[in-house]
Amino acid sequence: MPGSPGPGIAETGAEDQGSPEGSAPRESPGVGGAALQGRRHVRNRRIRAAIFYPLTFCLFVGGIISFPLLLLLRRRHQTWGATGDEACAPMPGDTELRRAFFQATRAITINASVDAVWPWIAQMGYRRAGWYGFDQFDNDGIPSATRILPEFQDPHVGETIGEEGLTIRAIEPTRSLVLAFSHPTTVWVFKEGIWPKFGASSLSYLLRPLDSDHTRLVVRMRFAASLVSVPMLWWPFFEIGDFLNARRQLSGIRLRAEGRAT
């Protein structure tokens, strides 16, 4: 009968007696564990290829398609909420980058004193209070804090508070906070798709009191990188994302400082 052991095997292969018909040779636990881990790795790679890679590609193509519209609206989104004087005035952190091909200055008026706004700035950061923006992307899905966190009220120069490497470069309590990062070489990251960390950037927050109950918050982002590098293909998406996130963050800080966050 096909698949049945012959007489010779029955007589000489005693170690195989009792094994299920047609079964493969037994593997040691170590080999079996490695094989199982290998299969899981292959399965995870297939899931990534089936879901995340196409998603990244769609986002990339969407950025390219929307780039002409972005150019038309660029001036508006680069200075969202800011006056002409605020957009042109020097700010703390401008000297972090000698040459920046992109600069955006956004602002918002908050109905609260500087002392009420500053704690929300001081505690910002990855795995701290969050960034009050899109938490799924910049805080691993952990909701940004809606209350003051005393343990994060004493930021200091040299402290890294951003997942992408944003480090505190200068701080003047109740007035300004300057963050910056620099990636001399491109670092490719798999998170909600495939993204490059590249170039150098500075991010400055400036509080200016209008009166005892109103504060002007001005935020400036500057970015520098080689314009002839592969990661620049992602730039349209980065620029759109930066605007949407900055607007959400400014609004989030205002809601919290005014006591309207839920």
Protein backbone atom coordinates (compact mmCIF):
# COMPACT_ATOMS: atom_id res chain seq x y z
CA MET A 1 0.00 0.00 0.00
CA PRO A 2 1.45 3.37 -0.90
CA GLY A 3 2.86 5.13 2.15
CA SER A 4 3.06 1.94 4.26
CA PRO A 5 6.45 0.90 5.64
CA GLY A 6 8.00 -2.13 4.00
CA PRO A 7 9.03 -5.24 5.90
CA GLY A 8 12.68 -4.18 5.95
CA ILE A 9 11.86 -0.88 7.64
CA ALA A 10 9.61 -2.59 10.17
CA GLU A 11 12.45 -4.86 11.20
CA THR A 12 15.36 -2.41 11.26
CA GLY A 13 13.73 0.97 12.01
CA ALA A 14 12.67 0.33 15.59
CA GLU A 15 13.09 3.97 16.51
CA ASP A 16 10.27 4.86 14.13
CA GLN A 17 7.80 2.36 15.59
CA GLY A 18 4.73 4.02 17.03
CA SER A 19 5.15 7.14 14.86
CA PRO A 20 2.06 8.26 12.95
CA GLU A 21 1.99 7.06 9.40
CA GLY A 22 3.66 9.59 7.06
CA SER A 23 4.84 11.86 9.90
CA ALA A 24 8.03 13.91 9.56
CA PRO A 25 11.06 13.18 11.76
CA ARG A 26 10.79 14.76 15.18
CA GLU A 27 12.77 17.94 15.80
CA SER A 28 14.38 18.95 19.01
CA PRO A 29 12.52 21.67 20.98
CA GLY A 30 15.21 24.19 20.09
CA VAL A 31 14.97 23.56 16.38
CA GLY A 32 11.17 23.58 16.52
CA GLY A 33 11.13 26.90 18.38
CA ALA A 34 13.46 28.47 15.83
CA ALA A 35 11.30 27.19 12.99
CA LEU A 36 8.16 28.60 14.63
CA GLN A 37 9.85 31.96 15.16
CA GLY A 38 10.96 31.96 11.54
CA ARG A 39 7.40 31.31 10.34
CA ARG A 40 6.09 34.12 12.52
CA HIS A 41 8.72 36.47 11.11
CA VAL A 42 7.72 35.58 7.56
CA ARG A 43 4.04 36.04 8.44
CA ASN A 44 4.72 39.48 9.97
CA ARG A 45 6.67 40.53 6.90
CA ARG A 46 3.76 39.47 4.70
CA ILE A 47 1.32 41.46 6.83
CA ARG A 48 3.53 44.53 6.56
CA ALA A 49 3.86 44.06 2.81
CA ALA A 50 0.10 43.60 2.41
CA ILE A 51 -1.04 46.52 4.57
CA PHE A 52 1.57 49.08 5.53
CA TYR A 53 3.61 49.27 2.35
CA PRO A 54 0.59 50.00 0.13
CA LEU A 55 -0.62 52.51 2.73
CA THR A 56 2.73 54.29 2.65
CA PHE A 57 2.68 54.30 -1.15
CA CYS A 58 -0.83 55.78 -1.21
CA LEU A 59 0.18 58.53 1.21
CA PHE A 60 3.27 59.26 -0.88
CA VAL A 61 1.27 59.46 -4.12
CA GLY A 62 -1.33 61.61 -2.37
CA GLY A 63 1.40 64.01 -1.32
CA ILE A 64 2.74 64.25 -4.87
CA ILE A 65 -0.73 64.84 -6.34
CA SER A 66 -1.53 67.53 -3.78
CA PHE A 67 1.82 69.29 -4.16
CA PRO A 68 0.62 71.84 -6.78
CA LEU A 69 -2.22 72.84 -4.44
CA LEU A 70 0.29 72.97 -1.60
CA LEU A 71 2.40 75.47 -3.55
CA LEU A 72 -0.63 77.67 -4.12
CA LEU A 73 -1.51 77.65 -0.43
CA ARG A 74 2.05 77.55 0.89
CA ARG A 75 2.25 81.14 2.03
CA ARG A 76 -1.04 80.78 3.86
CA HIS A 77 -0.17 77.58 5.71
CA GLN A 78 3.38 78.72 6.49
CA THR A 79 2.06 81.76 8.34
CA TRP A 80 -1.22 80.37 9.68
CA GLY A 81 -2.49 82.65 12.45
CA ALA A 82 0.65 84.81 12.43
CA THR A 83 0.83 88.50 11.60
CA GLY A 84 3.26 89.81 9.02
CA ASP A 85 5.52 91.15 11.77
CA GLU A 86 5.52 87.83 13.62
CA ALA A 87 6.39 85.91 10.45
CA CYS A 88 9.38 88.16 9.73
CA ALA A 89 10.63 88.89 13.24
CA PRO A 90 13.64 86.98 14.60
CA MET A 91 12.89 84.30 17.19
CA PRO A 92 14.88 82.26 19.69
CA GLY A 93 16.28 79.24 17.87
CA ASP A 94 16.79 80.89 14.49
CA THR A 95 20.55 80.45 14.85
CA GLU A 96 20.26 76.67 15.25
CA LEU A 97 20.23 76.31 11.45
CA ARG A 98 22.43 78.51 9.31
CA ARG A 99 20.51 77.73 6.15
CA ALA A 100 16.93 76.49 6.07
CA PHE A 101 15.00 75.89 2.87
CA PHE A 102 11.70 75.74 4.78
CA GLN A 103 10.42 78.02 7.53
CA ALA A 104 6.91 78.21 8.95
CA THR A 105 5.71 80.62 11.64
CA ARG A 106 2.27 80.01 13.13
CA ALA A 107 0.53 81.71 16.02
CA ILE A 108 -2.59 81.77 18.15
CA THR A 109 -4.08 84.02 20.82
CA ILE A 110 -4.89 82.32 24.11
CA ASN A 111 -7.33 83.75 26.64
CA ALA A 112 -5.07 83.04 29.59
CA SER A 113 -2.02 84.54 31.26
CA VAL A 114 1.53 83.53 30.37
CA ASP A 115 1.81 81.77 33.73
CA ALA A 116 -1.22 79.65 32.85
CA VAL A 117 0.10 78.74 29.39
CA TRP A 118 3.73 77.93 30.21
CA PRO A 119 3.16 74.67 32.17
CA TRP A 120 1.56 73.13 29.08
CA ILE A 121 4.66 74.04 27.05
CA ALA A 122 7.10 72.84 29.72
CA GLN A 123 5.64 69.33 29.93
CA MET A 124 5.39 68.63 26.21
CA GLY A 125 7.16 65.68 24.68
CA TYR A 126 7.12 62.07 23.59
CA ARG A 127 6.04 59.79 26.45
CA ARG A 128 5.68 62.91 28.61
CA ALA A 129 2.50 64.98 28.27
CA GLY A 130 2.41 64.37 24.52
CA TRP A 131 2.36 67.06 21.83
CA TYR A 132 -1.38 67.89 21.91
CA GLY A 133 -1.52 66.97 18.25
CA PHE A 134 -2.13 63.64 16.49
CA ASP A 135 -1.25 61.23 19.28
CA GLN A 136 -1.44 58.15 17.08
CA PHE A 137 1.55 59.36 15.09
CA ASP A 138 3.68 61.33 17.55
CA ASN A 139 2.95 59.71 20.94
CA ASP A 140 2.39 56.01 20.16
CA GLY A 141 -1.35 56.47 20.48
CA ILE A 142 -1.15 57.61 24.10
CA PRO A 143 -3.58 60.54 24.59
CA SER A 144 -1.93 63.88 25.36
CA ALA A 145 -2.38 65.05 28.93
CA THR A 146 -5.35 67.23 29.81
CA ARG A 147 -3.93 68.24 33.19
CA ILE A 148 -0.68 69.71 34.48
CA LEU A 149 1.90 67.01 35.25
CA PRO A 150 4.22 68.18 38.07
CA GLU A 151 6.90 65.61 37.21
CA PHE A 152 7.51 67.25 33.83
CA GLN A 153 7.60 70.89 34.89
CA ASP A 154 11.38 71.19 35.05
CA PRO A 155 12.75 70.61 31.52
CA HIS A 156 16.45 71.24 31.07
CA VAL A 157 18.88 71.89 28.22
CA GLY A 158 20.16 68.69 26.66
CA GLU A 159 17.06 66.66 27.45
CA THR A 160 15.65 64.70 24.49
CA ILE A 161 11.87 64.93 24.44
CA GLY A 162 11.04 63.96 20.85
CA GLU A 163 10.94 60.47 19.36
CA GLU A 164 12.72 61.78 16.26
CA GLY A 165 15.52 63.17 18.44
CA LEU A 166 14.19 66.64 19.31
CA THR A 167 16.43 67.93 22.10
CA ILE A 168 16.01 71.01 24.26
CA ARG A 169 18.60 73.54 23.09
CA ALA A 170 17.50 76.60 25.07
CA ILE A 171 14.83 77.42 27.58
CA GLU A 172 13.63 80.58 29.29
CA PRO A 173 10.78 79.72 31.66
CA THR A 174 7.47 81.48 30.93
CA ARG A 175 8.94 82.88 27.71
CA SER A 176 10.53 80.44 25.24
CA LEU A 177 11.50 76.86 24.48
CA VAL A 178 13.86 75.87 21.64
CA LEU A 179 14.11 72.30 20.34
CA ALA A 180 16.29 70.89 17.56
CA PHE A 181 17.47 67.67 15.95
CA SER A 182 20.02 66.70 13.32
CA HIS A 183 20.34 63.50 11.30
CA PRO A 184 23.56 63.66 9.21
CA THR A 185 22.57 60.38 7.56
CA THR A 186 19.10 59.08 6.74
CA VAL A 187 17.49 56.74 9.26
CA TRP A 188 14.61 54.69 7.88
CA VAL A 189 11.85 53.96 10.35
CA PHE A 190 8.97 51.48 10.14
CA LYS A 191 6.05 53.01 12.01
CA GLU A 192 2.62 53.53 10.48
CA GLY A 193 4.45 53.00 7.20
CA ILE A 194 8.05 53.62 6.18
CA TRP A 195 9.43 57.08 6.96
CA PRO A 196 12.89 58.63 6.76
CA LYS A 197 14.45 60.64 9.57
CA PHE A 198 16.77 63.05 7.81
CA GLY A 199 18.06 66.60 7.75
CA ALA A 200 18.11 69.11 10.59
CA SER A 201 15.28 71.04 12.18
CA SER A 202 14.58 73.58 14.89
CA LEU A 203 11.27 74.15 16.65
CA SER A 204 10.75 77.26 18.77
CA TYR A 205 7.89 78.24 21.07
CA LEU A 206 7.58 81.88 22.14
CA LEU A 207 5.07 83.30 24.62
CA ARG A 208 4.30 87.00 24.48
CA PRO A 209 1.86 88.54 26.98
CA LEU A 210 -0.76 90.82 25.44
CA ASP A 211 -2.15 91.76 28.85
CA SER A 212 -2.68 90.00 32.19
CA ASP A 213 -5.30 87.64 30.73
CA HIS A 214 -4.23 87.13 27.12
CA THR A 215 -1.12 85.53 25.61
CA ARG A 216 0.23 85.25 22.12
CA LEU A 217 1.84 81.87 21.33
CA VAL A 218 4.15 81.90 18.31
CA VAL A 219 5.71 78.69 16.98
CA ARG A 220 8.42 78.54 14.32
CA MET A 221 9.66 75.43 12.54
CA ARG A 222 12.77 75.54 10.33
CA PHE A 223 14.14 72.67 8.28
CA ALA A 224 17.32 72.05 6.29
CA ALA A 225 18.35 69.07 4.16
CA SER A 226 19.93 68.17 0.85
CA LEU A 227 17.41 68.85 -1.91
CA VAL A 228 18.82 66.03 -4.06
CA SER A 229 18.31 63.14 -1.65
CA VAL A 230 15.82 60.26 -1.84
CA PRO A 231 14.02 61.24 1.41
CA MET A 232 13.00 64.53 -0.21
CA LEU A 233 10.47 62.52 -2.21
CA TRP A 234 8.51 62.35 1.05
CA TRP A 235 8.59 66.13 1.51
CA PRO A 236 5.09 66.95 0.17
CA PHE A 237 3.57 64.67 2.78
CA PHE A 238 5.82 66.05 5.52
CA GLU A 239 4.88 69.63 4.71
CA ILE A 240 1.16 68.91 4.69
CA GLY A 241 1.48 66.87 7.88
CA ASP A 242 3.49 69.60 9.59
CA PHE A 243 0.78 72.18 8.95
CA LEU A 244 -2.09 69.94 10.09
CA ASN A 245 -0.21 68.89 13.21
CA ALA A 246 0.92 72.44 14.09
CA ARG A 247 -2.63 73.78 13.79
CA ARG A 248 -3.96 70.96 15.96
CA GLN A 249 -1.21 71.48 18.53
CA LEU A 250 -1.78 75.22 18.84
CA SER A 251 -5.50 74.68 19.24
CA GLY A 252 -4.84 71.93 21.77
CA ILE A 253 -2.62 74.16 23.89
CA ARG A 254 -5.22 76.94 23.79
CA LEU A 255 -8.02 74.61 24.91
CA ARG A 256 -5.93 73.30 27.79
CA ALA A 257 -4.68 76.68 28.96
CA GLU A 258 -8.22 78.09 28.87
CA GLY A 259 -9.52 75.11 30.84
CA ARG A 260 -11.69 73.80 28.02
CA ALA A 261 -9.90 70.50 27.32
CA THR A 262 -11.82 67.30 27.97
